[in-house]
Amino acid sequence: MWWLINELQSQLKYQIIGPFLVVAVLVAIVGLSIVAFFLARQQQDRFDNELAAATRTVNDTFFCTRTG
């Protein structure tokens, strides 16, 4: 196991690729988190609007049948 770690640390290409790969993965995770947050917020807004529309419809129907 130590041989593999020493081999990876000694080669320049792994010293360059390793940190770049870590940064790329971190950027991808942050980007996906932001996109997921905005999509969830959009879906919540859509649900709230549909709920409000359904409430208005029920109220209008209820008051029309009671008064008419």
C-alpha atoms as a PDB file:
ATOM      1  CA  MET A   1       0.000   0.000   0.000  1.00  0.00           C
ATOM      2  CA  TRP A   2       2.791   2.431   0.901  1.00  0.00           C
ATOM      3  CA  TRP A   3       4.509   1.600  -2.362  1.00  0.00           C
ATOM      4  CA  LEU A   4       1.436   2.726  -4.317  1.00  0.00           C
ATOM      5  CA  ILE A   5       1.182   5.981  -2.371  1.00  0.00           C
ATOM      6  CA  ASN A   6       4.891   6.721  -2.854  1.00  0.00           C
ATOM      7  CA  GLU A   7       4.631   5.918  -6.558  1.00  0.00           C
ATOM      8  CA  LEU A   8       1.660   8.241  -7.018  1.00  0.00           C
ATOM      9  CA  GLN A   9       3.370  11.064  -5.116  1.00  0.00           C
ATOM     10  CA  SER A  10       6.609  10.744  -7.028  1.00  0.00           C
ATOM     11  CA  GLN A  11       5.202  11.144 -10.539  1.00  0.00           C
ATOM     12  CA  LEU A  12       4.591  14.696 -11.704  1.00  0.00           C
ATOM     13  CA  LYS A  13       1.484  13.853 -13.741  1.00  0.00           C
ATOM     14  CA  TYR A  14      -0.302  12.586 -10.646  1.00  0.00           C
ATOM     15  CA  GLN A  15       0.778  15.654  -8.704  1.00  0.00           C
ATOM     16  CA  ILE A  16      -0.894  17.822 -11.346  1.00  0.00           C
ATOM     17  CA  ILE A  17      -3.959  15.675 -12.034  1.00  0.00           C
ATOM     18  CA  GLY A  18      -4.790  14.979  -8.374  1.00  0.00           C
ATOM     19  CA  PRO A  19      -5.503  18.542  -7.199  1.00  0.00           C
ATOM     20  CA  PHE A  20      -7.177  19.415 -10.507  1.00  0.00           C
ATOM     21  CA  LEU A  21      -9.464  16.412 -10.141  1.00  0.00           C
ATOM     22  CA  VAL A  22     -10.344  17.388  -6.562  1.00  0.00           C
ATOM     23  CA  VAL A  23     -11.152  20.964  -7.613  1.00  0.00           C
ATOM     24  CA  ALA A  24     -13.214  19.750 -10.586  1.00  0.00           C
ATOM     25  CA  VAL A  25     -15.253  17.418  -8.373  1.00  0.00           C
ATOM     26  CA  LEU A  26     -15.831  20.183  -5.809  1.00  0.00           C
ATOM     27  CA  VAL A  27     -16.962  22.624  -8.502  1.00  0.00           C
ATOM     28  CA  ALA A  28     -19.312  19.995  -9.920  1.00  0.00           C
ATOM     29  CA  ILE A  29     -20.820  19.305  -6.493  1.00  0.00           C
ATOM     30  CA  VAL A  30     -21.341  23.018  -5.788  1.00  0.00           C
ATOM     31  CA  GLY A  31     -22.860  23.564  -9.243  1.00  0.00           C
ATOM     32  CA  LEU A  32     -25.239  20.639  -8.872  1.00  0.00           C
ATOM     33  CA  SER A  33     -26.256  21.865  -5.425  1.00  0.00           C
ATOM     34  CA  ILE A  34     -27.074  25.325  -6.761  1.00  0.00           C
ATOM     35  CA  VAL A  35     -29.062  23.918  -9.681  1.00  0.00           C
ATOM     36  CA  ALA A  36     -30.962  21.543  -7.380  1.00  0.00           C
ATOM     37  CA  PHE A  37     -31.758  24.428  -5.013  1.00  0.00           C
ATOM     38  CA  PHE A  38     -33.168  26.602  -7.792  1.00  0.00           C
ATOM     39  CA  LEU A  39     -35.167  23.743  -9.298  1.00  0.00           C
ATOM     40  CA  ALA A  40     -36.625  22.885  -5.904  1.00  0.00           C
ATOM     41  CA  ARG A  41     -37.527  26.530  -5.319  1.00  0.00           C
ATOM     42  CA  GLN A  42     -39.204  26.735  -8.735  1.00  0.00           C
ATOM     43  CA  GLN A  43     -41.222  23.598  -8.034  1.00  0.00           C
ATOM     44  CA  GLN A  44     -42.257  24.953  -4.640  1.00  0.00           C
ATOM     45  CA  ASP A  45     -43.417  28.221  -6.213  1.00  0.00           C
ATOM     46  CA  ARG A  46     -45.389  26.307  -8.829  1.00  0.00           C
ATOM     47  CA  PHE A  47     -47.020  24.171  -6.138  1.00  0.00           C
ATOM     48  CA  ASP A  48     -47.906  27.244  -4.092  1.00  0.00           C
ATOM     49  CA  ASN A  49     -49.488  28.922  -7.125  1.00  0.00           C
ATOM     50  CA  GLU A  50     -51.532  25.830  -7.968  1.00  0.00           C
ATOM     51  CA  LEU A  51     -52.649  25.522  -4.359  1.00  0.00           C
ATOM     52  CA  ALA A  52     -53.731  29.163  -4.305  1.00  0.00           C
ATOM     53  CA  ALA A  53     -55.632  28.721  -7.587  1.00  0.00           C
ATOM     54  CA  ALA A  54     -57.389  25.633  -6.257  1.00  0.00           C
ATOM     55  CA  THR A  55     -58.293  27.489  -3.066  1.00  0.00           C
ATOM     56  CA  ARG A  56     -59.766  30.379  -5.054  1.00  0.00           C
ATOM     57  CA  THR A  57     -61.758  27.957  -7.210  1.00  0.00           C
ATOM     58  CA  VAL A  58     -63.178  26.162  -4.192  1.00  0.00           C
ATOM     59  CA  ASN A  59     -64.023  29.462  -2.502  1.00  0.00           C
ATOM     60  CA  ASP A  60     -65.732  30.792  -5.617  1.00  0.00           C
ATOM     61  CA  THR A  61     -67.700  27.555  -6.066  1.00  0.00           C
ATOM     62  CA  PHE A  62     -68.682  27.426  -2.406  1.00  0.00           C
ATOM     63  CA  PHE A  63     -69.877  31.023  -2.247  1.00  0.00           C
ATOM     64  CA  CYS A  64     -71.696  30.812  -5.588  1.00  0.00           C
ATOM     65  CA  THR A  65     -73.675  27.762  -4.470  1.00  0.00           C
ATOM     66  CA  ARG A  66     -74.525  29.283  -1.059  1.00  0.00           C
ATOM     67  CA  THR A  67     -75.666  32.611  -2.453  1.00  0.00           C
ATOM     68  CA  GLY A  68     -77.271  31.336  -5.663  1.00  0.00           C
END
